[in-house]
Amino acid sequence: MLKSRLITAFILIPLVIAALFWLPPSGFAIATLVVCMLAAWEWGQLAGFTSRLQRIWLAVLCGLLLALMLFTLPPYQHAVQQPQIGASLWAALGWWIAALLLVLFYPASAGFWRGSRALRLVFGVLTIVPFFFGMVALRQYHYELDRFAGAWWLLYVMLLVWGADSGAYMFGRLFGKHKLAPKVSPGKTWEGFFGGLLTSAVIAWLFGLWAPLSVAPGTLLICSLIAALASVLGDLTESMFKREAGIKDSGQLIPGHGGILDRIDSLTAAVPVFACLLLLVFRTL
């Protein structure tokens, strides 16, 4: 299992970085849309759809919705100023605050959504759609001035999340004793949680020394810390829904890693939250 995870990671990470810097914003948006369609296919299980045909339609409808909203955007502009993107990012901030409450009070919190397929679909929309537009907004960041500026920001957020995940895994394996959320994800510990934050902090500091991130240090620190915390919440939230659905992995599309949602669960929270804070709260346009 570990061998296949490492091999897959060594293949996927360079591909993701290449897509960030080599694809134009339109091509990157299409690639992200495909990822979101696959995520919607997997969310169908979490929402209670057992039929393959139902899940295919869910993925198709997700793609059509995102494509329709994407075609209404002017090219290479301050995307966050468009109402559909700004509204999506604000909705993400509200959703992840609500998700935090659902995780903290689980399993009692599942009482009001466990039997509602429609409500679980709404949760999926609030997870996938803002993630898509967070990726689009960050990729178009200052594109008219520097076509790689947004790619650097997205790489920064991804490294924060990967650092938090890897740090939590390593510190948890070495020092983990106290459970973080035993009713949601028994394998996660407080030691791993703080180890992941420490790893993210080191990555943020090193990245800030070398990468062209033109933002005030205080703003970057706040956005980075909250994004790292959000990444943990994204992971726990997906674990909560998988536990309710009675499945271990959201899918089997990525060898050794499970499904698409298993790989982007942290990013679905971190990317839109980071984009909302950076572009809307602190208005670093």
C-alpha atoms as a PDB file:
ATOM      1  CA  MET A   1       0.000   0.000   0.000  1.00  0.00           C
ATOM      2  CA  LEU A   2       2.728   2.486   0.954  1.00  0.00           C
ATOM      3  CA  LYS A   3       4.686   1.656  -2.192  1.00  0.00           C
ATOM      4  CA  SER A   4       1.703   2.274  -4.460  1.00  0.00           C
ATOM      5  CA  ARG A   5       0.893   5.529  -2.607  1.00  0.00           C
ATOM      6  CA  LEU A   6       4.427   6.806  -3.138  1.00  0.00           C
ATOM      7  CA  ILE A   7       4.526   5.816  -6.803  1.00  0.00           C
ATOM      8  CA  THR A   8       1.177   7.496  -7.446  1.00  0.00           C
ATOM      9  CA  ALA A   9       2.275  10.626  -5.575  1.00  0.00           C
ATOM     10  CA  PHE A  10       5.517  10.871  -7.574  1.00  0.00           C
ATOM     11  CA  ILE A  11       3.464  10.713 -10.777  1.00  0.00           C
ATOM     12  CA  LEU A  12       0.589  12.999  -9.800  1.00  0.00           C
ATOM     13  CA  ILE A  13       2.464  15.825  -8.064  1.00  0.00           C
ATOM     14  CA  PRO A  14       4.588  16.782 -11.125  1.00  0.00           C
ATOM     15  CA  LEU A  15       1.462  16.575 -13.309  1.00  0.00           C
ATOM     16  CA  VAL A  16      -0.444  18.910 -10.990  1.00  0.00           C
ATOM     17  CA  ILE A  17       2.430  21.416 -10.879  1.00  0.00           C
ATOM     18  CA  ALA A  18       2.784  21.262 -14.664  1.00  0.00           C
ATOM     19  CA  ALA A  19      -0.954  21.951 -15.051  1.00  0.00           C
ATOM     20  CA  LEU A  20      -0.673  24.947 -12.713  1.00  0.00           C
ATOM     21  CA  PHE A  21       2.077  26.649 -14.706  1.00  0.00           C
ATOM     22  CA  TRP A  22       1.656  25.411 -18.277  1.00  0.00           C
ATOM     23  CA  LEU A  23      -2.086  25.405 -18.803  1.00  0.00           C
ATOM     24  CA  PRO A  24      -3.736  28.764 -19.579  1.00  0.00           C
ATOM     25  CA  PRO A  25      -6.561  29.752 -17.204  1.00  0.00           C
ATOM     26  CA  SER A  26      -9.201  28.357 -19.566  1.00  0.00           C
ATOM     27  CA  GLY A  27      -7.420  25.008 -19.890  1.00  0.00           C
ATOM     28  CA  PHE A  28      -6.818  24.897 -16.148  1.00  0.00           C
ATOM     29  CA  ALA A  29     -10.494  25.621 -15.490  1.00  0.00           C
ATOM     30  CA  ILE A  30     -11.523  22.754 -17.789  1.00  0.00           C
ATOM     31  CA  ALA A  31      -9.106  20.364 -16.060  1.00  0.00           C
ATOM     32  CA  THR A  32     -10.453  21.431 -12.664  1.00  0.00           C
ATOM     33  CA  LEU A  33     -14.016  20.997 -13.942  1.00  0.00           C
ATOM     34  CA  VAL A  34     -13.250  17.369 -14.858  1.00  0.00           C
ATOM     35  CA  VAL A  35     -11.840  16.776 -11.362  1.00  0.00           C
ATOM     36  CA  CYS A  36     -15.007  18.271  -9.871  1.00  0.00           C
ATOM     37  CA  MET A  37     -17.193  16.023 -12.017  1.00  0.00           C
ATOM     38  CA  LEU A  38     -15.313  12.976 -10.721  1.00  0.00           C
ATOM     39  CA  ALA A  39     -15.707  14.325  -7.180  1.00  0.00           C
ATOM     40  CA  ALA A  40     -19.464  14.720  -7.783  1.00  0.00           C
ATOM     41  CA  TRP A  41     -19.605  11.120  -9.015  1.00  0.00           C
ATOM     42  CA  GLU A  42     -18.054   9.990  -5.734  1.00  0.00           C
ATOM     43  CA  TRP A  43     -20.204  12.314  -3.633  1.00  0.00           C
ATOM     44  CA  GLY A  44     -23.200  10.426  -4.984  1.00  0.00           C
ATOM     45  CA  GLN A  45     -22.274   7.560  -2.644  1.00  0.00           C
ATOM     46  CA  LEU A  46     -22.110   9.928   0.320  1.00  0.00           C
ATOM     47  CA  ALA A  47     -25.502  11.362  -0.623  1.00  0.00           C
ATOM     48  CA  GLY A  48     -27.089   7.919  -0.739  1.00  0.00           C
ATOM     49  CA  PHE A  49     -27.178   7.232  -4.503  1.00  0.00           C
ATOM     50  CA  THR A  50     -26.339   3.578  -5.040  1.00  0.00           C
ATOM     51  CA  SER A  51     -27.233   3.405  -8.723  1.00  0.00           C
ATOM     52  CA  ARG A  52     -24.336   3.937 -11.149  1.00  0.00           C
ATOM     53  CA  LEU A  53     -26.664   5.739 -13.578  1.00  0.00           C
ATOM     54  CA  GLN A  54     -27.794   8.185 -10.886  1.00  0.00           C
ATOM     55  CA  ARG A  55     -24.204   9.003 -10.007  1.00  0.00           C
ATOM     56  CA  ILE A  56     -23.301   9.493 -13.674  1.00  0.00           C
ATOM     57  CA  TRP A  57     -26.145  11.959 -14.035  1.00  0.00           C
ATOM     58  CA  LEU A  58     -25.015  13.723 -10.884  1.00  0.00           C
ATOM     59  CA  ALA A  59     -21.513  14.136 -12.348  1.00  0.00           C
ATOM     60  CA  VAL A  60     -22.909  15.352 -15.690  1.00  0.00           C
ATOM     61  CA  LEU A  61     -25.214  17.879 -14.049  1.00  0.00           C
ATOM     62  CA  CYS A  62     -22.326  19.137 -11.903  1.00  0.00           C
ATOM     63  CA  GLY A  63     -20.202  19.603 -15.025  1.00  0.00           C
ATOM     64  CA  LEU A  64     -22.999  21.412 -16.870  1.00  0.00           C
ATOM     65  CA  LEU A  65     -23.630  23.727 -13.915  1.00  0.00           C
ATOM     66  CA  LEU A  66     -19.955  24.649 -13.581  1.00  0.00           C
ATOM     67  CA  ALA A  67     -19.525  25.049 -17.348  1.00  0.00           C
ATOM     68  CA  LEU A  68     -22.573  27.324 -17.563  1.00  0.00           C
ATOM     69  CA  MET A  69     -21.276  29.498 -14.743  1.00  0.00           C
ATOM     70  CA  LEU A  70     -17.768  29.470 -16.248  1.00  0.00           C
ATOM     71  CA  PHE A  71     -18.971  30.678 -19.653  1.00  0.00           C
ATOM     72  CA  THR A  72     -20.479  33.770 -18.020  1.00  0.00           C
ATOM     73  CA  LEU A  73     -17.053  34.923 -16.829  1.00  0.00           C
ATOM     74  CA  PRO A  74     -15.016  37.434 -18.841  1.00  0.00           C
ATOM     75  CA  PRO A  75     -11.519  36.105 -19.649  1.00  0.00           C
ATOM     76  CA  TYR A  76      -8.472  37.081 -17.579  1.00  0.00           C
ATOM     77  CA  GLN A  77     -10.240  39.565 -15.322  1.00  0.00           C
ATOM     78  CA  HIS A  78     -10.325  39.909 -11.542  1.00  0.00           C
ATOM     79  CA  ALA A  79     -12.541  36.841 -11.368  1.00  0.00           C
ATOM     80  CA  VAL A  80     -13.400  37.333  -7.714  1.00  0.00           C
ATOM     81  CA  GLN A  81     -15.277  40.525  -8.625  1.00  0.00           C
ATOM     82  CA  GLN A  82     -17.791  38.473 -10.590  1.00  0.00           C
ATOM     83  CA  PRO A  83     -20.912  37.850  -8.461  1.00  0.00           C
ATOM     84  CA  GLN A  84     -21.051  34.096  -9.051  1.00  0.00           C
ATOM     85  CA  ILE A  85     -17.480  33.641  -7.802  1.00  0.00           C
ATOM     86  CA  GLY A  86     -17.718  36.064  -4.901  1.00  0.00           C
ATOM     87  CA  ALA A  87     -20.987  34.475  -3.773  1.00  0.00           C
ATOM     88  CA  SER A  88     -19.464  30.982  -4.032  1.00  0.00           C
ATOM     89  CA  LEU A  89     -16.497  31.933  -1.858  1.00  0.00           C
ATOM     90  CA  TRP A  90     -18.647  33.596   0.801  1.00  0.00           C
ATOM     91  CA  ALA A  91     -20.926  30.538   0.752  1.00  0.00           C
ATOM     92  CA  ALA A  92     -17.859  28.345   1.294  1.00  0.00           C
ATOM     93  CA  LEU A  93     -16.883  30.317   4.376  1.00  0.00           C
ATOM     94  CA  GLY A  94     -20.384  29.858   5.794  1.00  0.00           C
ATOM     95  CA  TRP A  95     -20.521  26.170   4.870  1.00  0.00           C
ATOM     96  CA  TRP A  96     -17.212  25.290   6.507  1.00  0.00           C
ATOM     97  CA  ILE A  97     -18.223  27.067   9.701  1.00  0.00           C
ATOM     98  CA  ALA A  98     -21.389  24.962   9.672  1.00  0.00           C
ATOM     99  CA  ALA A  99     -19.339  21.839   8.868  1.00  0.00           C
ATOM    100  CA  LEU A 100     -17.172  22.535  11.904  1.00  0.00           C
ATOM    101  CA  LEU A 101     -20.283  22.400  14.088  1.00  0.00           C
ATOM    102  CA  LEU A 102     -21.423  19.189  12.403  1.00  0.00           C
ATOM    103  CA  VAL A 103     -18.064  17.550  13.118  1.00  0.00           C
ATOM    104  CA  LEU A 104     -17.816  18.829  16.689  1.00  0.00           C
ATOM    105  CA  PHE A 105     -21.277  17.528  17.602  1.00  0.00           C
ATOM    106  CA  TYR A 106     -21.182  14.303  15.581  1.00  0.00           C
ATOM    107  CA  PRO A 107     -22.920  11.836  15.789  1.00  0.00           C
ATOM    108  CA  ALA A 108     -25.784  13.848  17.322  1.00  0.00           C
ATOM    109  CA  SER A 109     -25.493  16.403  14.498  1.00  0.00           C
ATOM    110  CA  ALA A 110     -26.205  13.691  11.913  1.00  0.00           C
ATOM    111  CA  GLY A 111     -29.747  13.422  13.232  1.00  0.00           C
ATOM    112  CA  PHE A 112     -31.074  16.228  11.044  1.00  0.00           C
ATOM    113  CA  TRP A 113     -29.293  15.329   7.768  1.00  0.00           C
ATOM    114  CA  ARG A 114     -28.799  11.555   7.918  1.00  0.00           C
ATOM    115  CA  GLY A 115     -32.163  10.761   6.356  1.00  0.00           C
ATOM    116  CA  SER A 116     -32.195  13.602   3.824  1.00  0.00           C
ATOM    117  CA  ARG A 117     -30.643  12.853   0.446  1.00  0.00           C
ATOM    118  CA  ALA A 118     -31.443  16.396  -0.704  1.00  0.00           C
ATOM    119  CA  LEU A 119     -29.591  17.959   2.223  1.00  0.00           C
ATOM    120  CA  ARG A 120     -26.540  15.787   1.589  1.00  0.00           C
ATOM    121  CA  LEU A 121     -26.616  16.897  -2.044  1.00  0.00           C
ATOM    122  CA  VAL A 122     -26.665  20.522  -0.893  1.00  0.00           C
ATOM    123  CA  PHE A 123     -23.596  19.788   1.248  1.00  0.00           C
ATOM    124  CA  GLY A 124     -21.927  18.368  -1.860  1.00  0.00           C
ATOM    125  CA  VAL A 125     -22.738  21.461  -3.908  1.00  0.00           C
ATOM    126  CA  LEU A 126     -21.362  23.693  -1.130  1.00  0.00           C
ATOM    127  CA  THR A 127     -18.179  21.600  -1.114  1.00  0.00           C
ATOM    128  CA  ILE A 128     -17.489  21.187  -4.839  1.00  0.00           C
ATOM    129  CA  VAL A 129     -18.731  24.424  -6.461  1.00  0.00           C
ATOM    130  CA  PRO A 130     -16.784  26.855  -4.206  1.00  0.00           C
ATOM    131  CA  PHE A 131     -13.697  24.639  -4.562  1.00  0.00           C
ATOM    132  CA  PHE A 132     -13.940  24.990  -8.349  1.00  0.00           C
ATOM    133  CA  PHE A 133     -14.326  28.761  -8.251  1.00  0.00           C
ATOM    134  CA  GLY A 134     -11.653  29.147  -5.592  1.00  0.00           C
ATOM    135  CA  MET A 135      -9.243  27.391  -7.948  1.00  0.00           C
ATOM    136  CA  VAL A 136     -10.349  29.590 -10.868  1.00  0.00           C
ATOM    137  CA  ALA A 137     -10.128  32.823  -8.860  1.00  0.00           C
ATOM    138  CA  LEU A 138      -6.635  32.091  -7.550  1.00  0.00           C
ATOM    139  CA  ARG A 139      -5.363  30.968 -10.964  1.00  0.00           C
ATOM    140  CA  GLN A 140      -6.554  34.242 -12.518  1.00  0.00           C
ATOM    141  CA  TYR A 141      -4.953  36.309  -9.747  1.00  0.00           C
ATOM    142  CA  HIS A 142      -3.178  39.268 -11.432  1.00  0.00           C
ATOM    143  CA  TYR A 143      -3.027  37.295 -14.665  1.00  0.00           C
ATOM    144  CA  GLU A 144      -2.941  40.467 -16.778  1.00  0.00           C
ATOM    145  CA  LEU A 145       0.261  41.522 -14.992  1.00  0.00           C
ATOM    146  CA  ASP A 146       1.952  38.164 -14.468  1.00  0.00           C
ATOM    147  CA  ARG A 147       0.504  35.007 -15.977  1.00  0.00           C
ATOM    148  CA  PHE A 148       2.232  32.851 -13.349  1.00  0.00           C
ATOM    149  CA  ALA A 149       1.154  34.836 -10.259  1.00  0.00           C
ATOM    150  CA  GLY A 150      -1.967  32.755  -9.681  1.00  0.00           C
ATOM    151  CA  ALA A 151      -0.083  29.517 -10.260  1.00  0.00           C
ATOM    152  CA  TRP A 152       2.324  30.431  -7.459  1.00  0.00           C
ATOM    153  CA  TRP A 153      -0.582  31.117  -5.105  1.00  0.00           C
ATOM    154  CA  LEU A 154      -2.261  27.815  -5.879  1.00  0.00           C
ATOM    155  CA  LEU A 155       1.010  25.944  -5.470  1.00  0.00           C
ATOM    156  CA  TYR A 156       1.453  27.683  -2.121  1.00  0.00           C
ATOM    157  CA  VAL A 157      -1.965  26.561  -0.867  1.00  0.00           C
ATOM    158  CA  MET A 158      -1.411  23.028  -2.130  1.00  0.00           C
ATOM    159  CA  LEU A 159       1.953  22.803  -0.382  1.00  0.00           C
ATOM    160  CA  LEU A 160       0.333  24.044   2.827  1.00  0.00           C
ATOM    161  CA  VAL A 161      -2.267  21.301   2.603  1.00  0.00           C
ATOM    162  CA  TRP A 162       0.187  18.585   1.589  1.00  0.00           C
ATOM    163  CA  GLY A 163       2.461  19.694   4.435  1.00  0.00           C
ATOM    164  CA  ALA A 164      -0.398  19.552   6.937  1.00  0.00           C
ATOM    165  CA  ASP A 165      -1.422  16.080   5.732  1.00  0.00           C
ATOM    166  CA  SER A 166       2.116  14.665   5.656  1.00  0.00           C
ATOM    167  CA  GLY A 167       3.115  16.293   8.941  1.00  0.00           C
ATOM    168  CA  ALA A 168      -0.025  15.013  10.662  1.00  0.00           C
ATOM    169  CA  TYR A 169       0.644  11.502   9.378  1.00  0.00           C
ATOM    170  CA  MET A 170       4.297  11.439  10.469  1.00  0.00           C
ATOM    171  CA  PHE A 171       3.830  13.105  13.858  1.00  0.00           C
ATOM    172  CA  GLY A 172       0.734  11.031  14.502  1.00  0.00           C
ATOM    173  CA  ARG A 173       2.583   7.784  13.786  1.00  0.00           C
ATOM    174  CA  LEU A 174       5.543   8.798  15.931  1.00  0.00           C
ATOM    175  CA  PHE A 175       3.918  10.575  18.864  1.00  0.00           C
ATOM    176  CA  GLY A 176       0.149  10.160  18.550  1.00  0.00           C
ATOM    177  CA  LYS A 177      -1.605   9.272  21.806  1.00  0.00           C
ATOM    178  CA  HIS A 178      -4.548  11.638  22.219  1.00  0.00           C
ATOM    179  CA  LYS A 179      -7.440  11.253  19.762  1.00  0.00           C
ATOM    180  CA  LEU A 180      -8.490  14.372  17.857  1.00  0.00           C
ATOM    181  CA  ALA A 181     -12.004  13.310  16.838  1.00  0.00           C
ATOM    182  CA  PRO A 182     -12.486   9.644  17.767  1.00  0.00           C
ATOM    183  CA  LYS A 183     -16.148   9.507  16.726  1.00  0.00           C
ATOM    184  CA  VAL A 184     -15.349  10.871  13.263  1.00  0.00           C
ATOM    185  CA  SER A 185     -11.839   9.636  12.433  1.00  0.00           C
ATOM    186  CA  PRO A 186     -10.249   7.452  15.161  1.00  0.00           C
ATOM    187  CA  GLY A 187      -6.823   7.477  13.520  1.00  0.00           C
ATOM    188  CA  LYS A 188      -6.252  11.230  13.874  1.00  0.00           C
ATOM    189  CA  THR A 189      -4.518  12.597  16.977  1.00  0.00           C
ATOM    190  CA  TRP A 190      -3.833  15.974  18.537  1.00  0.00           C
ATOM    191  CA  GLU A 191      -0.104  15.307  18.197  1.00  0.00           C
ATOM    192  CA  GLY A 192      -0.566  14.774  14.472  1.00  0.00           C
ATOM    193  CA  PHE A 193      -2.752  17.877  14.253  1.00  0.00           C
ATOM    194  CA  PHE A 194      -0.113  20.160  15.783  1.00  0.00           C
ATOM    195  CA  GLY A 195       2.644  18.391  13.843  1.00  0.00           C
ATOM    196  CA  GLY A 196       0.759  19.135  10.623  1.00  0.00           C
ATOM    197  CA  LEU A 197       0.397  22.808  11.553  1.00  0.00           C
ATOM    198  CA  LEU A 198       4.105  22.990  12.349  1.00  0.00           C
ATOM    199  CA  THR A 199       4.991  21.420   9.005  1.00  0.00           C
ATOM    200  CA  SER A 200       2.700  23.890   7.217  1.00  0.00           C
ATOM    201  CA  ALA A 201       4.321  26.799   9.066  1.00  0.00           C
ATOM    202  CA  VAL A 202       7.801  25.694   7.978  1.00  0.00           C
ATOM    203  CA  ILE A 203       6.639  25.298   4.381  1.00  0.00           C
ATOM    204  CA  ALA A 204       4.967  28.725   4.450  1.00  0.00           C
ATOM    205  CA  TRP A 205       8.148  30.333   5.773  1.00  0.00           C
ATOM    206  CA  LEU A 206      10.414  28.642   3.222  1.00  0.00           C
ATOM    207  CA  PHE A 207       8.021  29.289   0.347  1.00  0.00           C
ATOM    208  CA  GLY A 208       7.696  32.934   1.328  1.00  0.00           C
ATOM    209  CA  LEU A 209      11.483  33.344   1.129  1.00  0.00           C
ATOM    210  CA  TRP A 210      11.742  32.174  -2.456  1.00  0.00           C
ATOM    211  CA  ALA A 211       8.377  32.552  -4.175  1.00  0.00           C
ATOM    212  CA  PRO A 212       6.995  35.873  -5.480  1.00  0.00           C
ATOM    213  CA  LEU A 213       4.085  36.271  -3.059  1.00  0.00           C
ATOM    214  CA  SER A 214       3.431  40.007  -2.943  1.00  0.00           C
ATOM    215  CA  VAL A 215       1.287  40.352   0.167  1.00  0.00           C
ATOM    216  CA  ALA A 216       1.807  41.705   3.681  1.00  0.00           C
ATOM    217  CA  PRO A 217       3.361  39.087   6.011  1.00  0.00           C
ATOM    218  CA  GLY A 218       0.582  39.485   8.581  1.00  0.00           C
ATOM    219  CA  THR A 219      -2.116  38.904   5.969  1.00  0.00           C
ATOM    220  CA  LEU A 220      -0.286  35.873   4.617  1.00  0.00           C
ATOM    221  CA  LEU A 221       0.113  34.433   8.116  1.00  0.00           C
ATOM    222  CA  ILE A 222      -3.591  34.755   8.959  1.00  0.00           C
ATOM    223  CA  CYS A 223      -4.763  33.357   5.613  1.00  0.00           C
ATOM    224  CA  SER A 224      -2.271  30.479   5.794  1.00  0.00           C
ATOM    225  CA  LEU A 225      -3.131  29.501   9.368  1.00  0.00           C
ATOM    226  CA  ILE A 226      -6.866  29.479   8.738  1.00  0.00           C
ATOM    227  CA  ALA A 227      -6.404  27.600   5.445  1.00  0.00           C
ATOM    228  CA  ALA A 228      -4.312  24.939   7.221  1.00  0.00           C
ATOM    229  CA  LEU A 229      -7.014  24.575   9.879  1.00  0.00           C
ATOM    230  CA  ALA A 230      -9.665  24.405   7.158  1.00  0.00           C
ATOM    231  CA  SER A 231      -7.745  21.612   5.428  1.00  0.00           C
ATOM    232  CA  VAL A 232      -8.018  19.490   8.587  1.00  0.00           C
ATOM    233  CA  LEU A 233     -11.732  20.269   8.767  1.00  0.00           C
ATOM    234  CA  GLY A 234     -12.202  19.231   5.128  1.00  0.00           C
ATOM    235  CA  ASP A 235     -10.587  15.883   5.859  1.00  0.00           C
ATOM    236  CA  LEU A 236     -12.702  15.329   8.988  1.00  0.00           C
ATOM    237  CA  THR A 237     -15.906  16.338   7.218  1.00  0.00           C
ATOM    238  CA  GLU A 238     -15.408  13.831   4.421  1.00  0.00           C
ATOM    239  CA  SER A 239     -14.550  11.178   7.030  1.00  0.00           C
ATOM    240  CA  MET A 240     -17.833  11.963   8.778  1.00  0.00           C
ATOM    241  CA  PHE A 241     -19.859  11.519   5.590  1.00  0.00           C
ATOM    242  CA  LYS A 242     -17.987   8.325   4.678  1.00  0.00           C
ATOM    243  CA  ARG A 243     -18.662   6.929   8.140  1.00  0.00           C
ATOM    244  CA  GLU A 244     -22.366   7.605   7.700  1.00  0.00           C
ATOM    245  CA  ALA A 245     -22.275   5.972   4.249  1.00  0.00           C
ATOM    246  CA  GLY A 246     -20.415   2.956   5.642  1.00  0.00           C
ATOM    247  CA  ILE A 247     -17.462   3.188   3.241  1.00  0.00           C
ATOM    248  CA  LYS A 248     -13.711   3.466   3.806  1.00  0.00           C
ATOM    249  CA  ASP A 249     -12.729   5.258   0.579  1.00  0.00           C
ATOM    250  CA  SER A 250     -14.802   7.520  -1.643  1.00  0.00           C
ATOM    251  CA  GLY A 251     -13.629   5.565  -4.702  1.00  0.00           C
ATOM    252  CA  GLN A 252     -10.790   3.616  -6.289  1.00  0.00           C
ATOM    253  CA  LEU A 253      -9.710   5.973  -9.074  1.00  0.00           C
ATOM    254  CA  ILE A 254      -6.238   6.661  -7.633  1.00  0.00           C
ATOM    255  CA  PRO A 255      -4.157   3.552  -6.855  1.00  0.00           C
ATOM    256  CA  GLY A 256      -3.126   3.468  -3.216  1.00  0.00           C
ATOM    257  CA  HIS A 257      -4.998   6.680  -2.415  1.00  0.00           C
ATOM    258  CA  GLY A 258      -8.657   5.787  -2.867  1.00  0.00           C
ATOM    259  CA  GLY A 259     -10.867   8.215  -4.727  1.00  0.00           C
ATOM    260  CA  ILE A 260     -10.675  11.790  -5.968  1.00  0.00           C
ATOM    261  CA  LEU A 261     -12.471  13.083  -2.879  1.00  0.00           C
ATOM    262  CA  ASP A 262      -9.990  11.256  -0.658  1.00  0.00           C
ATOM    263  CA  ARG A 263      -7.198  13.282  -2.268  1.00  0.00           C
ATOM    264  CA  ILE A 264      -8.888  16.678  -2.530  1.00  0.00           C
ATOM    265  CA  ASP A 265     -11.004  16.641   0.657  1.00  0.00           C
ATOM    266  CA  SER A 266      -8.565  18.969   2.428  1.00  0.00           C
ATOM    267  CA  LEU A 267      -8.251  21.210  -0.638  1.00  0.00           C
ATOM    268  CA  THR A 268     -12.024  21.553  -1.004  1.00  0.00           C
ATOM    269  CA  ALA A 269     -11.979  23.473   2.275  1.00  0.00           C
ATOM    270  CA  ALA A 270      -8.551  25.133   2.164  1.00  0.00           C
ATOM    271  CA  VAL A 271      -8.713  26.589  -1.374  1.00  0.00           C
ATOM    272  CA  PRO A 272     -12.038  28.487  -1.185  1.00  0.00           C
ATOM    273  CA  VAL A 273     -11.406  29.614   2.406  1.00  0.00           C
ATOM    274  CA  PHE A 274      -7.931  30.897   1.494  1.00  0.00           C
ATOM    275  CA  ALA A 275      -9.274  32.596  -1.653  1.00  0.00           C
ATOM    276  CA  CYS A 276     -12.132  34.203   0.286  1.00  0.00           C
ATOM    277  CA  LEU A 277      -9.809  35.575   2.958  1.00  0.00           C
ATOM    278  CA  LEU A 278      -7.107  36.740   0.546  1.00  0.00           C
ATOM    279  CA  LEU A 279      -9.352  38.253  -2.146  1.00  0.00           C
ATOM    280  CA  LEU A 280     -12.548  39.277  -0.356  1.00  0.00           C
ATOM    281  CA  VAL A 281     -11.763  39.798   3.331  1.00  0.00           C
ATOM    282  CA  PHE A 282      -8.318  41.400   2.969  1.00  0.00           C
ATOM    283  CA  ARG A 283      -8.988  42.527  -0.629  1.00  0.00           C
ATOM    284  CA  THR A 284      -5.501  41.888  -1.985  1.00  0.00           C
ATOM    285  CA  LEU A 285      -6.672  42.359  -5.594  1.00  0.00           C
END
